[in-house]
Amino acid sequence: MSNTNLKKFICPVSSNPILAAEEIKKKLKKVEVDNSGLDLSGMNLFDAVKVLVLTSSYLYKKFPAQTLKFKFVSAEIKNVLASFSLTNLEMV
């Protein structure tokens, strides 16, 4: 699925990874996960990884069958995320 098929990207306002993950959780409760995505382009690599790990854990608990798409400025993030089991996240 290309990112043009997504209806809405969630872009956290906070640069603090914990606060950003909380923002994302609140927004995911209000939208369909399949039609949404995360835009973490404004974050640095390490904060984006923290947000993705926290969000993935939340998704696994609340929406176990759902996959959330995300975009980031660099494909480097795939290498960092490879050591984690984040099967419910997909980079677009």
N, C-alpha and C. Protein backbone atom coordinates (compact mmCIF):
# COMPACT_ATOMS: atom_id res chain seq x y z
N MET A 1 0.85 -1.18 0.00
CA MET A 1 0.00 0.00 0.00
C MET A 1 0.89 1.23 0.00
N SER A 2 0.64 2.14 -0.87
CA SER A 2 1.42 3.37 -0.87
C SER A 2 0.84 4.32 0.16
N ASN A 3 1.64 5.31 0.55
CA ASN A 3 1.16 6.23 1.56
C ASN A 3 0.04 7.13 1.06
N THR A 4 -0.23 7.16 -0.23
CA THR A 4 -1.34 7.95 -0.74
C THR A 4 -2.67 7.30 -0.43
N ASN A 5 -2.67 6.00 -0.11
CA ASN A 5 -3.90 5.31 0.25
C ASN A 5 -4.29 5.55 1.70
N LEU A 6 -3.40 6.08 2.49
CA LEU A 6 -3.69 6.35 3.88
C LEU A 6 -4.49 7.64 3.98
N LYS A 7 -5.52 7.61 4.81
CA LYS A 7 -6.36 8.78 4.94
C LYS A 7 -5.73 9.85 5.83
N LYS A 8 -4.98 9.41 6.85
CA LYS A 8 -4.46 10.39 7.78
C LYS A 8 -3.14 9.93 8.38
N PHE A 9 -2.19 10.85 8.42
CA PHE A 9 -0.94 10.58 9.11
C PHE A 9 -0.99 11.28 10.46
N ILE A 10 -0.62 10.56 11.49
CA ILE A 10 -0.53 11.12 12.83
C ILE A 10 0.90 11.64 13.00
N CYS A 11 1.01 12.90 13.28
CA CYS A 11 2.32 13.54 13.45
C CYS A 11 2.36 14.10 14.87
N PRO A 12 3.07 13.44 15.79
CA PRO A 12 3.08 13.92 17.17
C PRO A 12 3.69 15.31 17.29
N VAL A 13 3.12 16.12 18.16
CA VAL A 13 3.59 17.48 18.39
C VAL A 13 4.81 17.47 19.31
N SER A 14 4.76 16.62 20.32
CA SER A 14 5.85 16.58 21.30
C SER A 14 7.10 15.93 20.73
N SER A 15 8.25 16.47 21.11
CA SER A 15 9.51 15.85 20.70
C SER A 15 9.99 14.85 21.75
N ASN A 16 9.33 14.83 22.91
CA ASN A 16 9.62 13.85 23.95
C ASN A 16 8.99 12.52 23.53
N PRO A 17 9.77 11.45 23.41
CA PRO A 17 9.23 10.18 22.91
C PRO A 17 8.07 9.62 23.73
N ILE A 18 8.13 9.76 25.04
CA ILE A 18 7.05 9.22 25.88
C ILE A 18 5.77 10.02 25.68
N LEU A 19 5.89 11.34 25.65
CA LEU A 19 4.71 12.18 25.41
C LEU A 19 4.17 11.99 23.99
N ALA A 20 5.07 11.83 23.03
CA ALA A 20 4.65 11.59 21.65
C ALA A 20 3.89 10.28 21.54
N ALA A 21 4.36 9.24 22.22
CA ALA A 21 3.67 7.94 22.20
C ALA A 21 2.28 8.07 22.82
N GLU A 22 2.16 8.85 23.87
CA GLU A 22 0.84 9.08 24.50
C GLU A 22 -0.10 9.81 23.54
N GLU A 23 0.42 10.80 22.82
CA GLU A 23 -0.38 11.50 21.81
C GLU A 23 -0.90 10.51 20.76
N ILE A 24 -0.01 9.66 20.31
CA ILE A 24 -0.35 8.69 19.28
C ILE A 24 -1.42 7.73 19.78
N LYS A 25 -1.29 7.26 21.01
CA LYS A 25 -2.28 6.35 21.59
C LYS A 25 -3.66 6.99 21.60
N LYS A 26 -3.72 8.25 22.04
CA LYS A 26 -5.01 8.95 22.09
C LYS A 26 -5.62 9.08 20.71
N LYS A 27 -4.79 9.38 19.72
CA LYS A 27 -5.31 9.55 18.36
C LYS A 27 -5.72 8.21 17.73
N LEU A 28 -4.99 7.15 18.06
CA LEU A 28 -5.33 5.84 17.50
C LEU A 28 -6.67 5.32 18.03
N LYS A 29 -7.07 5.77 19.19
CA LYS A 29 -8.37 5.38 19.75
C LYS A 29 -9.51 6.00 18.95
N LYS A 30 -9.22 7.08 18.21
CA LYS A 30 -10.25 7.84 17.50
C LYS A 30 -10.31 7.54 16.01
N VAL A 31 -9.32 6.84 15.47
CA VAL A 31 -9.26 6.59 14.03
C VAL A 31 -9.12 5.10 13.75
N GLU A 32 -9.31 4.73 12.50
CA GLU A 32 -9.07 3.36 12.08
C GLU A 32 -7.58 3.19 11.84
N VAL A 33 -7.00 2.20 12.50
CA VAL A 33 -5.56 1.99 12.39
C VAL A 33 -5.16 1.68 10.95
N ASP A 34 -5.96 0.88 10.24
CA ASP A 34 -5.62 0.51 8.87
C ASP A 34 -5.55 1.70 7.92
N ASN A 35 -6.28 2.77 8.22
CA ASN A 35 -6.31 3.93 7.34
C ASN A 35 -5.44 5.07 7.85
N SER A 36 -4.62 4.79 8.84
CA SER A 36 -3.77 5.81 9.43
C SER A 36 -2.31 5.40 9.34
N GLY A 37 -1.47 6.36 9.59
CA GLY A 37 -0.04 6.11 9.62
C GLY A 37 0.63 7.10 10.54
N LEU A 38 1.87 6.85 10.84
CA LEU A 38 2.65 7.77 11.68
C LEU A 38 3.66 8.50 10.81
N ASP A 39 3.77 9.78 11.04
CA ASP A 39 4.79 10.58 10.37
C ASP A 39 5.78 11.02 11.44
N LEU A 40 6.91 10.36 11.49
CA LEU A 40 7.95 10.66 12.48
C LEU A 40 9.12 11.38 11.83
N SER A 41 8.87 12.02 10.71
CA SER A 41 9.92 12.71 9.95
C SER A 41 10.57 13.85 10.73
N GLY A 42 9.87 14.42 11.69
CA GLY A 42 10.40 15.53 12.45
C GLY A 42 11.23 15.11 13.65
N MET A 43 11.39 13.82 13.86
CA MET A 43 12.14 13.33 15.02
C MET A 43 13.51 12.83 14.62
N ASN A 44 14.40 12.79 15.59
CA ASN A 44 15.70 12.18 15.32
C ASN A 44 15.54 10.66 15.39
N LEU A 45 16.53 9.95 14.93
CA LEU A 45 16.46 8.50 14.81
C LEU A 45 16.16 7.81 16.14
N PHE A 46 16.85 8.20 17.19
CA PHE A 46 16.69 7.51 18.47
C PHE A 46 15.33 7.76 19.10
N ASP A 47 14.83 8.99 19.02
CA ASP A 47 13.50 9.28 19.55
C ASP A 47 12.43 8.56 18.74
N ALA A 48 12.60 8.51 17.43
CA ALA A 48 11.63 7.81 16.58
C ALA A 48 11.59 6.32 16.92
N VAL A 49 12.74 5.72 17.18
CA VAL A 49 12.78 4.31 17.56
C VAL A 49 12.04 4.10 18.88
N LYS A 50 12.26 4.97 19.84
CA LYS A 50 11.56 4.86 21.12
C LYS A 50 10.05 4.94 20.92
N VAL A 51 9.61 5.90 20.12
CA VAL A 51 8.18 6.06 19.85
C VAL A 51 7.62 4.81 19.17
N LEU A 52 8.34 4.28 18.21
CA LEU A 52 7.86 3.10 17.49
C LEU A 52 7.78 1.86 18.39
N VAL A 53 8.74 1.69 19.27
CA VAL A 53 8.70 0.55 20.20
C VAL A 53 7.51 0.69 21.15
N LEU A 54 7.31 1.88 21.70
CA LEU A 54 6.17 2.10 22.60
C LEU A 54 4.84 1.94 21.87
N THR A 55 4.76 2.46 20.66
CA THR A 55 3.52 2.37 19.88
C THR A 55 3.25 0.93 19.46
N SER A 56 4.28 0.21 19.07
CA SER A 56 4.11 -1.19 18.68
C SER A 56 3.57 -2.03 19.84
N SER A 57 4.09 -1.80 21.03
CA SER A 57 3.61 -2.52 22.21
C SER A 57 2.15 -2.22 22.48
N TYR A 58 1.79 -0.95 22.37
CA TYR A 58 0.40 -0.55 22.57
C TYR A 58 -0.50 -1.20 21.53
N LEU A 59 -0.08 -1.17 20.27
CA LEU A 59 -0.88 -1.78 19.20
C LEU A 59 -1.08 -3.27 19.42
N TYR A 60 -0.03 -3.94 19.82
CA TYR A 60 -0.10 -5.38 20.03
C TYR A 60 -1.12 -5.71 21.12
N LYS A 61 -1.20 -4.86 22.13
CA LYS A 61 -2.14 -5.08 23.23
C LYS A 61 -3.58 -4.74 22.82
N LYS A 62 -3.77 -3.61 22.17
CA LYS A 62 -5.13 -3.12 21.85
C LYS A 62 -5.67 -3.58 20.50
N PHE A 63 -4.82 -3.69 19.51
CA PHE A 63 -5.24 -4.04 18.15
C PHE A 63 -4.30 -5.10 17.60
N PRO A 64 -4.34 -6.32 18.13
CA PRO A 64 -3.33 -7.33 17.78
C PRO A 64 -3.27 -7.71 16.30
N ALA A 65 -4.35 -7.57 15.58
CA ALA A 65 -4.37 -7.96 14.17
C ALA A 65 -4.04 -6.80 13.23
N GLN A 66 -3.81 -5.62 13.76
CA GLN A 66 -3.60 -4.44 12.94
C GLN A 66 -2.12 -4.18 12.68
N THR A 67 -1.85 -3.57 11.54
CA THR A 67 -0.50 -3.12 11.19
C THR A 67 -0.56 -1.61 10.97
N LEU A 68 0.38 -0.91 11.54
CA LEU A 68 0.42 0.54 11.39
C LEU A 68 1.61 0.90 10.51
N LYS A 69 1.37 1.75 9.55
CA LYS A 69 2.42 2.20 8.65
C LYS A 69 3.05 3.47 9.22
N PHE A 70 4.32 3.67 8.94
CA PHE A 70 4.98 4.87 9.41
C PHE A 70 5.96 5.36 8.35
N LYS A 71 6.24 6.65 8.42
CA LYS A 71 7.28 7.18 7.54
C LYS A 71 8.30 7.93 8.37
N PHE A 72 9.53 7.85 7.89
CA PHE A 72 10.65 8.48 8.55
C PHE A 72 11.59 8.98 7.46
N VAL A 73 12.42 9.94 7.78
CA VAL A 73 13.26 10.58 6.77
C VAL A 73 14.38 9.68 6.24
N SER A 74 14.74 8.65 6.98
CA SER A 74 15.86 7.82 6.57
C SER A 74 15.52 6.34 6.68
N ALA A 75 15.98 5.57 5.71
CA ALA A 75 15.76 4.13 5.75
C ALA A 75 16.65 3.45 6.79
N GLU A 76 17.59 4.20 7.39
CA GLU A 76 18.44 3.67 8.45
C GLU A 76 17.63 3.07 9.59
N ILE A 77 16.46 3.61 9.78
CA ILE A 77 15.63 3.17 10.90
C ILE A 77 15.30 1.68 10.79
N LYS A 78 15.22 1.17 9.58
CA LYS A 78 14.95 -0.26 9.39
C LYS A 78 16.05 -1.11 10.02
N ASN A 79 17.30 -0.69 9.87
CA ASN A 79 18.42 -1.43 10.45
C ASN A 79 18.35 -1.44 11.98
N VAL A 80 17.98 -0.31 12.57
CA VAL A 80 17.88 -0.23 14.02
C VAL A 80 16.71 -1.06 14.52
N LEU A 81 15.59 -1.00 13.83
CA LEU A 81 14.39 -1.73 14.24
C LEU A 81 14.50 -3.24 14.02
N ALA A 82 15.44 -3.67 13.21
CA ALA A 82 15.58 -5.09 12.90
C ALA A 82 15.85 -5.94 14.13
N SER A 83 16.46 -5.35 15.15
CA SER A 83 16.76 -6.11 16.37
C SER A 83 15.54 -6.25 17.28
N PHE A 84 14.47 -5.54 16.99
CA PHE A 84 13.23 -5.63 17.75
C PHE A 84 12.22 -6.46 16.97
N SER A 85 11.27 -7.03 17.68
CA SER A 85 10.19 -7.77 17.02
C SER A 85 8.98 -6.86 16.88
N LEU A 86 9.01 -6.03 15.85
CA LEU A 86 7.94 -5.06 15.63
C LEU A 86 7.18 -5.42 14.36
N THR A 87 6.57 -6.57 14.36
CA THR A 87 5.90 -7.08 13.17
C THR A 87 4.63 -6.32 12.81
N ASN A 88 4.14 -5.50 13.72
CA ASN A 88 2.92 -4.76 13.44
C ASN A 88 3.18 -3.33 12.94
N LEU A 89 4.43 -3.06 12.55
CA LEU A 89 4.79 -1.77 11.98
C LEU A 89 5.40 -1.99 10.59
N GLU A 90 5.07 -1.06 9.70
CA GLU A 90 5.59 -1.16 8.32
C GLU A 90 5.98 0.22 7.84
N MET A 91 7.19 0.33 7.34
CA MET A 91 7.66 1.62 6.82
C MET A 91 7.15 1.83 5.40
N VAL A 92 6.67 3.04 5.13
CA VAL A 92 6.20 3.39 3.77
C VAL A 92 7.09 4.47 3.21
